[in-house]
Amino acid sequence: MGPTFPVYDEHVRGLLLLSLLGGCGFHIAGGQQTPLDADGDALPDGEVQADGSIDGLVDAPSDAPITVADAPCADDDDDGVCNSMDTWPCGAQPTPPGSPITLDEVDSGDHMTISLSNTALTGGQRLYTVAPGATFTVTANYSIIDCICTGCIDQIQIGLVPGTAKECLYNGNPSSPCTTATTGTGMRTLTAPMTTGVYQVRFRLGQDLDCDGQNNDHDGWWTNVPPSAAQTVALVCVH
């Protein structure tokens, strides 16, 4: 008959398990585990034990929500507005010019005064985005008084700056006496340059024989001088 081995009941196995746990450096008190040092004394709260554990450390729950940052949207002009929503893709959107805008010239106490109001580009706005080479309309109410040259043919030239292409909202001899304003509404079509960028729609006085220029001498602005920034009535983004 072969060798025999002792048989342990459940009570004995439980005692063996407790003896093994006792070698792990913990004292069971009040249902809580207290870390012990090598001599069996309790360690102060938070002190690192020999096995590298830290009293009071709690792992983050495995089901904690994870936040994923949205991918940045495309913003070609770096103005903080996504391309898909940007109505002014030429940088930060400017403030539209006011209305009315007035030009007043004085000579020996006499005035020549032009005023444009309710200026609107295609779509009824004073900030407009257009493709290179595309056309758009300019509409404005005008008022003109010329007491400096009562017999002159006057033009209200309107066009893009920078640039020399222009059209005339008005072309004629204003009413006499010059104390009475000549008024009306004009609409002209302009063509956007092929170069992208921001352009100003401005106006000025012309005094040619007609709007197209006399003998092709003044195809651009009258006296080849563009209007000043004070005569800006709208802005165009060519993009």
C-alpha atoms as a PDB file:
ATOM      1  CA  MET A   1       0.000   0.000   0.000  1.00  0.00           C
ATOM      2  CA  GLY A   2       1.462   3.409  -1.035  1.00  0.00           C
ATOM      3  CA  PRO A   3       2.186   6.418   1.210  1.00  0.00           C
ATOM      4  CA  THR A   4      -0.700   8.315   2.670  1.00  0.00           C
ATOM      5  CA  PHE A   5      -1.173  12.135   2.835  1.00  0.00           C
ATOM      6  CA  PRO A   6      -3.017  14.041   5.494  1.00  0.00           C
ATOM      7  CA  VAL A   7      -6.455  15.303   4.511  1.00  0.00           C
ATOM      8  CA  TYR A   8      -7.323  18.913   5.544  1.00  0.00           C
ATOM      9  CA  ASP A   9     -10.824  19.999   6.085  1.00  0.00           C
ATOM     10  CA  GLU A  10     -12.227  23.465   5.178  1.00  0.00           C
ATOM     11  CA  HIS A  11     -11.431  24.873   8.616  1.00  0.00           C
ATOM     12  CA  VAL A  12      -7.756  23.987   8.328  1.00  0.00           C
ATOM     13  CA  ARG A  13      -7.490  25.446   4.822  1.00  0.00           C
ATOM     14  CA  GLY A  14      -9.004  28.711   6.087  1.00  0.00           C
ATOM     15  CA  LEU A  15      -6.386  28.959   8.829  1.00  0.00           C
ATOM     16  CA  LEU A  16      -3.643  28.410   6.271  1.00  0.00           C
ATOM     17  CA  LEU A  17      -5.024  31.231   4.054  1.00  0.00           C
ATOM     18  CA  LEU A  18      -5.120  33.675   6.975  1.00  0.00           C
ATOM     19  CA  SER A  19      -1.539  32.834   7.876  1.00  0.00           C
ATOM     20  CA  LEU A  20      -0.459  33.586   4.312  1.00  0.00           C
ATOM     21  CA  LEU A  21      -2.269  36.938   4.298  1.00  0.00           C
ATOM     22  CA  GLY A  22      -0.619  37.846   7.541  1.00  0.00           C
ATOM     23  CA  GLY A  23       2.740  37.879   5.784  1.00  0.00           C
ATOM     24  CA  CYS A  24       1.598  40.586   3.376  1.00  0.00           C
ATOM     25  CA  GLY A  25       2.154  43.466   5.802  1.00  0.00           C
ATOM     26  CA  PHE A  26      -1.460  44.451   6.506  1.00  0.00           C
ATOM     27  CA  HIS A  27      -3.369  44.549   9.767  1.00  0.00           C
ATOM     28  CA  ILE A  28      -7.126  44.060   9.558  1.00  0.00           C
ATOM     29  CA  ALA A  29      -8.804  46.534  11.908  1.00  0.00           C
ATOM     30  CA  GLY A  30     -12.417  47.602  11.829  1.00  0.00           C
ATOM     31  CA  GLY A  31     -12.884  46.154   8.335  1.00  0.00           C
ATOM     32  CA  GLN A  32     -10.005  48.309   6.896  1.00  0.00           C
ATOM     33  CA  GLN A  33      -6.498  47.326   5.871  1.00  0.00           C
ATOM     34  CA  THR A  34      -3.737  49.195   7.704  1.00  0.00           C
ATOM     35  CA  PRO A  35      -0.226  49.066   6.127  1.00  0.00           C
ATOM     36  CA  LEU A  36       2.432  47.727   8.484  1.00  0.00           C
ATOM     37  CA  ASP A  37       6.184  48.190   8.533  1.00  0.00           C
ATOM     38  CA  ALA A  38       8.707  45.350   8.832  1.00  0.00           C
ATOM     39  CA  ASP A  39       8.263  45.263  12.613  1.00  0.00           C
ATOM     40  CA  GLY A  40       4.472  44.989  12.359  1.00  0.00           C
ATOM     41  CA  ASP A  41       3.803  48.596  13.418  1.00  0.00           C
ATOM     42  CA  ALA A  42       1.206  50.681  11.523  1.00  0.00           C
ATOM     43  CA  LEU A  43       2.635  53.141   8.995  1.00  0.00           C
ATOM     44  CA  PRO A  44       1.531  56.811   9.055  1.00  0.00           C
ATOM     45  CA  ASP A  45      -1.171  57.740   6.538  1.00  0.00           C
ATOM     46  CA  GLY A  46       0.147  58.207   3.002  1.00  0.00           C
ATOM     47  CA  GLU A  47       3.619  56.677   3.653  1.00  0.00           C
ATOM     48  CA  VAL A  48       4.945  54.437   0.892  1.00  0.00           C
ATOM     49  CA  GLN A  49       5.303  50.795   1.906  1.00  0.00           C
ATOM     50  CA  ALA A  50       7.975  48.411   0.893  1.00  0.00           C
ATOM     51  CA  ASP A  51       5.883  47.033  -1.961  1.00  0.00           C
ATOM     52  CA  GLY A  52       5.464  50.552  -3.462  1.00  0.00           C
ATOM     53  CA  SER A  53       1.744  50.984  -2.646  1.00  0.00           C
ATOM     54  CA  ILE A  54       0.405  54.350  -1.422  1.00  0.00           C
ATOM     55  CA  ASP A  55      -2.235  54.468   1.271  1.00  0.00           C
ATOM     56  CA  GLY A  56      -5.403  56.175   0.077  1.00  0.00           C
ATOM     57  CA  LEU A  57      -4.630  55.907  -3.662  1.00  0.00           C
ATOM     58  CA  VAL A  58      -7.833  55.412  -5.656  1.00  0.00           C
ATOM     59  CA  ASP A  59      -7.792  54.361  -9.260  1.00  0.00           C
ATOM     60  CA  ALA A  60      -9.914  56.388 -11.723  1.00  0.00           C
ATOM     61  CA  PRO A  61     -13.067  54.544 -12.703  1.00  0.00           C
ATOM     62  CA  SER A  62     -12.680  52.627 -15.922  1.00  0.00           C
ATOM     63  CA  ASP A  63     -15.938  54.081 -17.258  1.00  0.00           C
ATOM     64  CA  ALA A  64     -14.856  57.749 -16.894  1.00  0.00           C
ATOM     65  CA  PRO A  65     -15.944  59.785 -19.991  1.00  0.00           C
ATOM     66  CA  ILE A  66     -13.263  60.580 -22.571  1.00  0.00           C
ATOM     67  CA  THR A  67     -13.438  63.977 -24.284  1.00  0.00           C
ATOM     68  CA  VAL A  68     -12.164  64.099 -27.856  1.00  0.00           C
ATOM     69  CA  ALA A  69     -11.252  67.577 -29.195  1.00  0.00           C
ATOM     70  CA  ASP A  70     -12.845  68.544 -32.498  1.00  0.00           C
ATOM     71  CA  ALA A  71     -10.463  68.790 -35.421  1.00  0.00           C
ATOM     72  CA  PRO A  72      -9.741  72.460 -36.361  1.00  0.00           C
ATOM     73  CA  CYS A  73     -11.687  73.730 -39.345  1.00  0.00           C
ATOM     74  CA  ALA A  74     -10.049  75.150 -42.465  1.00  0.00           C
ATOM     75  CA  ASP A  75      -9.511  78.931 -42.161  1.00  0.00           C
ATOM     76  CA  ASP A  76      -7.510  80.201 -45.137  1.00  0.00           C
ATOM     77  CA  ASP A  77      -7.558  83.893 -44.158  1.00  0.00           C
ATOM     78  CA  ASP A  78      -6.817  83.280 -40.441  1.00  0.00           C
ATOM     79  CA  ASP A  79      -9.752  85.387 -39.238  1.00  0.00           C
ATOM     80  CA  GLY A  80     -11.120  82.778 -36.836  1.00  0.00           C
ATOM     81  CA  VAL A  81     -14.084  81.923 -39.097  1.00  0.00           C
ATOM     82  CA  CYS A  82     -14.262  78.535 -40.837  1.00  0.00           C
ATOM     83  CA  ASN A  83     -14.101  78.672 -44.620  1.00  0.00           C
ATOM     84  CA  SER A  84     -17.527  77.024 -44.840  1.00  0.00           C
ATOM     85  CA  MET A  85     -19.108  79.945 -42.916  1.00  0.00           C
ATOM     86  CA  ASP A  86     -16.884  82.866 -43.947  1.00  0.00           C
ATOM     87  CA  THR A  87     -18.736  85.501 -45.995  1.00  0.00           C
ATOM     88  CA  TRP A  88     -15.615  87.726 -46.143  1.00  0.00           C
ATOM     89  CA  PRO A  89     -12.631  85.474 -47.021  1.00  0.00           C
ATOM     90  CA  CYS A  90     -10.203  88.430 -47.229  1.00  0.00           C
ATOM     91  CA  GLY A  91      -9.135  88.555 -43.563  1.00  0.00           C
ATOM     92  CA  ALA A  92     -11.009  90.096 -40.670  1.00  0.00           C
ATOM     93  CA  GLN A  93     -14.375  91.441 -41.811  1.00  0.00           C
ATOM     94  CA  PRO A  94     -14.299  95.267 -41.906  1.00  0.00           C
ATOM     95  CA  THR A  95     -17.021  97.671 -40.893  1.00  0.00           C
ATOM     96  CA  PRO A  96     -19.141  98.755 -43.886  1.00  0.00           C
ATOM     97  CA  PRO A  97     -18.806 102.416 -44.931  1.00  0.00           C
ATOM     98  CA  GLY A  98     -21.512 104.757 -43.711  1.00  0.00           C
ATOM     99  CA  SER A  99     -24.272 106.454 -45.663  1.00  0.00           C
ATOM    100  CA  PRO A 100     -24.528 109.093 -46.983  1.00  0.00           C
ATOM    101  CA  ILE A 101     -20.979 109.893 -48.153  1.00  0.00           C
ATOM    102  CA  THR A 102     -20.429 113.488 -49.296  1.00  0.00           C
ATOM    103  CA  LEU A 103     -17.810 115.267 -51.420  1.00  0.00           C
ATOM    104  CA  ASP A 104     -17.730 119.067 -51.063  1.00  0.00           C
ATOM    105  CA  GLU A 105     -15.331 121.312 -53.014  1.00  0.00           C
ATOM    106  CA  VAL A 106     -15.168 125.082 -52.411  1.00  0.00           C
ATOM    107  CA  ASP A 107     -13.844 127.778 -54.741  1.00  0.00           C
ATOM    108  CA  SER A 108     -14.176 131.478 -53.828  1.00  0.00           C
ATOM    109  CA  GLY A 109     -17.036 130.667 -51.514  1.00  0.00           C
ATOM    110  CA  ASP A 110     -18.953 128.652 -54.121  1.00  0.00           C
ATOM    111  CA  HIS A 111     -19.640 124.936 -53.582  1.00  0.00           C
ATOM    112  CA  MET A 112     -19.749 121.846 -55.737  1.00  0.00           C
ATOM    113  CA  THR A 113     -21.356 119.119 -53.614  1.00  0.00           C
ATOM    114  CA  ILE A 114     -22.002 115.457 -54.430  1.00  0.00           C
ATOM    115  CA  SER A 115     -23.656 113.072 -51.999  1.00  0.00           C
ATOM    116  CA  LEU A 116     -24.293 109.327 -52.411  1.00  0.00           C
ATOM    117  CA  SER A 117     -26.728 107.500 -50.121  1.00  0.00           C
ATOM    118  CA  ASN A 118     -28.185 104.006 -49.850  1.00  0.00           C
ATOM    119  CA  THR A 119     -25.280 102.588 -51.833  1.00  0.00           C
ATOM    120  CA  ALA A 120     -25.667  98.862 -52.389  1.00  0.00           C
ATOM    121  CA  LEU A 121     -23.723  96.279 -54.334  1.00  0.00           C
ATOM    122  CA  THR A 122     -25.265  93.141 -55.817  1.00  0.00           C
ATOM    123  CA  GLY A 123     -27.503  91.619 -53.155  1.00  0.00           C
ATOM    124  CA  GLY A 124     -28.086  94.931 -51.356  1.00  0.00           C
ATOM    125  CA  GLN A 125     -24.932  95.098 -49.265  1.00  0.00           C
ATOM    126  CA  ARG A 126     -21.889  97.349 -48.875  1.00  0.00           C
ATOM    127  CA  LEU A 127     -19.540  94.417 -48.231  1.00  0.00           C
ATOM    128  CA  TYR A 128     -19.453  92.073 -51.204  1.00  0.00           C
ATOM    129  CA  THR A 129     -17.393  89.007 -52.170  1.00  0.00           C
ATOM    130  CA  VAL A 130     -16.912  88.323 -55.858  1.00  0.00           C
ATOM    131  CA  ALA A 131     -14.783  85.988 -57.993  1.00  0.00           C
ATOM    132  CA  PRO A 132     -11.893  87.430 -60.054  1.00  0.00           C
ATOM    133  CA  GLY A 133     -13.161  88.778 -63.369  1.00  0.00           C
ATOM    134  CA  ALA A 134     -16.849  88.556 -62.378  1.00  0.00           C
ATOM    135  CA  THR A 135     -19.263  91.461 -62.717  1.00  0.00           C
ATOM    136  CA  PHE A 136     -21.411  93.077 -60.032  1.00  0.00           C
ATOM    137  CA  THR A 137     -23.719  96.082 -59.824  1.00  0.00           C
ATOM    138  CA  VAL A 138     -23.485  99.322 -57.852  1.00  0.00           C
ATOM    139  CA  THR A 139     -26.694 101.191 -57.047  1.00  0.00           C
ATOM    140  CA  ALA A 140     -26.889 104.523 -55.216  1.00  0.00           C
ATOM    141  CA  ASN A 141     -29.086 107.565 -54.749  1.00  0.00           C
ATOM    142  CA  TYR A 142     -27.203 110.718 -55.758  1.00  0.00           C
ATOM    143  CA  SER A 143     -27.484 114.452 -55.183  1.00  0.00           C
ATOM    144  CA  ILE A 144     -25.325 117.029 -57.016  1.00  0.00           C
ATOM    145  CA  ILE A 145     -25.065 120.828 -56.795  1.00  0.00           C
ATOM    146  CA  ASP A 146     -22.437 122.708 -58.856  1.00  0.00           C
ATOM    147  CA  CYS A 147     -22.160 126.411 -58.110  1.00  0.00           C
ATOM    148  CA  ILE A 148     -18.455 126.529 -59.104  1.00  0.00           C
ATOM    149  CA  CYS A 149     -18.999 125.793 -62.802  1.00  0.00           C
ATOM    150  CA  THR A 150     -22.680 126.303 -63.566  1.00  0.00           C
ATOM    151  CA  GLY A 151     -22.259 125.683 -67.307  1.00  0.00           C
ATOM    152  CA  CYS A 152     -20.125 122.504 -66.984  1.00  0.00           C
ATOM    153  CA  ILE A 153     -21.111 118.974 -67.871  1.00  0.00           C
ATOM    154  CA  ASP A 154     -20.522 117.028 -64.667  1.00  0.00           C
ATOM    155  CA  GLN A 155     -20.074 113.324 -64.070  1.00  0.00           C
ATOM    156  CA  ILE A 156     -20.323 111.313 -60.882  1.00  0.00           C
ATOM    157  CA  GLN A 157     -17.653 108.714 -61.552  1.00  0.00           C
ATOM    158  CA  ILE A 158     -17.706 105.495 -59.550  1.00  0.00           C
ATOM    159  CA  GLY A 159     -15.216 102.633 -59.658  1.00  0.00           C
ATOM    160  CA  LEU A 160     -12.659 100.498 -57.814  1.00  0.00           C
ATOM    161  CA  VAL A 161      -9.516 101.658 -56.028  1.00  0.00           C
ATOM    162  CA  PRO A 162      -6.884 100.512 -56.721  1.00  0.00           C
ATOM    163  CA  GLY A 163      -7.742 100.582 -60.399  1.00  0.00           C
ATOM    164  CA  THR A 164      -8.759 102.950 -63.196  1.00  0.00           C
ATOM    165  CA  ALA A 165     -11.947 101.270 -64.468  1.00  0.00           C
ATOM    166  CA  LYS A 166     -14.984 103.390 -63.664  1.00  0.00           C
ATOM    167  CA  GLU A 167     -18.565 104.111 -64.720  1.00  0.00           C
ATOM    168  CA  CYS A 168     -20.818 107.163 -64.307  1.00  0.00           C
ATOM    169  CA  LEU A 169     -23.824 107.236 -62.029  1.00  0.00           C
ATOM    170  CA  TYR A 170     -24.634 110.699 -63.417  1.00  0.00           C
ATOM    171  CA  ASN A 171     -23.622 112.582 -66.575  1.00  0.00           C
ATOM    172  CA  GLY A 172     -25.126 116.014 -67.376  1.00  0.00           C
ATOM    173  CA  ASN A 173     -25.460 119.675 -66.446  1.00  0.00           C
ATOM    174  CA  PRO A 174     -26.964 120.086 -62.950  1.00  0.00           C
ATOM    175  CA  SER A 175     -30.053 122.200 -62.411  1.00  0.00           C
ATOM    176  CA  SER A 176     -29.963 125.989 -62.390  1.00  0.00           C
ATOM    177  CA  PRO A 177     -30.051 127.924 -60.193  1.00  0.00           C
ATOM    178  CA  CYS A 178     -27.310 125.956 -58.464  1.00  0.00           C
ATOM    179  CA  THR A 179     -29.020 126.233 -55.115  1.00  0.00           C
ATOM    180  CA  THR A 180     -31.355 123.433 -56.218  1.00  0.00           C
ATOM    181  CA  ALA A 181     -29.899 119.912 -56.072  1.00  0.00           C
ATOM    182  CA  THR A 182     -30.190 117.506 -58.961  1.00  0.00           C
ATOM    183  CA  THR A 183     -31.151 114.099 -57.579  1.00  0.00           C
ATOM    184  CA  GLY A 184     -31.750 110.614 -58.877  1.00  0.00           C
ATOM    185  CA  THR A 185     -30.791 106.953 -58.645  1.00  0.00           C
ATOM    186  CA  GLY A 186     -28.066 105.378 -60.721  1.00  0.00           C
ATOM    187  CA  MET A 187     -27.016 101.752 -61.269  1.00  0.00           C
ATOM    188  CA  ARG A 188     -23.873 100.641 -63.060  1.00  0.00           C
ATOM    189  CA  THR A 189     -22.026  97.350 -63.603  1.00  0.00           C
ATOM    190  CA  LEU A 190     -18.377  96.973 -62.603  1.00  0.00           C
ATOM    191  CA  THR A 191     -15.957  94.139 -63.339  1.00  0.00           C
ATOM    192  CA  ALA A 192     -13.791  92.694 -60.552  1.00  0.00           C
ATOM    193  CA  PRO A 193     -10.020  92.633 -61.148  1.00  0.00           C
ATOM    194  CA  MET A 194      -8.256  89.328 -61.761  1.00  0.00           C
ATOM    195  CA  THR A 195      -6.011  89.912 -58.751  1.00  0.00           C
ATOM    196  CA  THR A 196      -7.493  88.790 -55.442  1.00  0.00           C
ATOM    197  CA  GLY A 197      -7.671  91.196 -52.504  1.00  0.00           C
ATOM    198  CA  VAL A 198      -9.761  94.007 -51.015  1.00  0.00           C
ATOM    199  CA  TYR A 199     -10.879  96.915 -53.224  1.00  0.00           C
ATOM    200  CA  GLN A 200     -12.767 100.109 -52.324  1.00  0.00           C
ATOM    201  CA  VAL A 201     -15.745 101.363 -54.329  1.00  0.00           C
ATOM    202  CA  ARG A 202     -15.235 105.158 -54.475  1.00  0.00           C
ATOM    203  CA  PHE A 203     -16.679 108.130 -56.364  1.00  0.00           C
ATOM    204  CA  ARG A 204     -15.491 111.522 -57.537  1.00  0.00           C
ATOM    205  CA  LEU A 205     -16.415 114.467 -59.784  1.00  0.00           C
ATOM    206  CA  GLY A 206     -15.598 114.411 -63.476  1.00  0.00           C
ATOM    207  CA  GLN A 207     -16.043 117.280 -65.963  1.00  0.00           C
ATOM    208  CA  ASP A 208     -15.424 115.700 -69.335  1.00  0.00           C
ATOM    209  CA  LEU A 209     -17.651 116.126 -72.398  1.00  0.00           C
ATOM    210  CA  ASP A 210     -19.077 112.667 -71.707  1.00  0.00           C
ATOM    211  CA  CYS A 211     -18.529 109.722 -69.443  1.00  0.00           C
ATOM    212  CA  ASP A 212     -16.289 107.776 -71.819  1.00  0.00           C
ATOM    213  CA  GLY A 213     -13.666 110.508 -72.054  1.00  0.00           C
ATOM    214  CA  GLN A 214     -12.923 113.136 -74.658  1.00  0.00           C
ATOM    215  CA  ASN A 215     -10.850 111.717 -77.537  1.00  0.00           C
ATOM    216  CA  ASN A 216      -9.873 108.855 -75.166  1.00  0.00           C
ATOM    217  CA  ASP A 217      -7.885 111.302 -73.024  1.00  0.00           C
ATOM    218  CA  HIS A 218      -9.627 110.338 -69.784  1.00  0.00           C
ATOM    219  CA  ASP A 219     -10.557 106.669 -69.943  1.00  0.00           C
ATOM    220  CA  GLY A 220      -9.702 106.402 -66.252  1.00  0.00           C
ATOM    221  CA  TRP A 221     -10.481 108.772 -63.397  1.00  0.00           C
ATOM    222  CA  TRP A 222     -10.909 112.469 -64.245  1.00  0.00           C
ATOM    223  CA  THR A 223      -7.472 114.153 -64.429  1.00  0.00           C
ATOM    224  CA  ASN A 224      -6.077 110.642 -63.784  1.00  0.00           C
ATOM    225  CA  VAL A 225      -6.492 111.181 -60.029  1.00  0.00           C
ATOM    226  CA  PRO A 226      -8.450 108.486 -58.138  1.00  0.00           C
ATOM    227  CA  PRO A 227     -10.931 109.459 -55.406  1.00  0.00           C
ATOM    228  CA  SER A 228      -9.707 109.796 -51.842  1.00  0.00           C
ATOM    229  CA  ALA A 229     -10.477 107.253 -49.106  1.00  0.00           C
ATOM    230  CA  ALA A 230     -13.144 109.641 -47.746  1.00  0.00           C
ATOM    231  CA  GLN A 231     -15.236 108.881 -50.867  1.00  0.00           C
ATOM    232  CA  THR A 232     -15.428 105.117 -50.168  1.00  0.00           C
ATOM    233  CA  VAL A 233     -19.026 103.888 -50.324  1.00  0.00           C
ATOM    234  CA  ALA A 234     -18.542 100.082 -50.355  1.00  0.00           C
ATOM    235  CA  LEU A 235     -15.881  97.352 -50.118  1.00  0.00           C
ATOM    236  CA  VAL A 236     -15.293  94.375 -52.388  1.00  0.00           C
ATOM    237  CA  CYS A 237     -13.433  91.153 -51.554  1.00  0.00           C
ATOM    238  CA  VAL A 238     -12.128  89.566 -54.750  1.00  0.00           C
ATOM    239  CA  HIS A 239     -11.573  85.915 -53.865  1.00  0.00           C
END
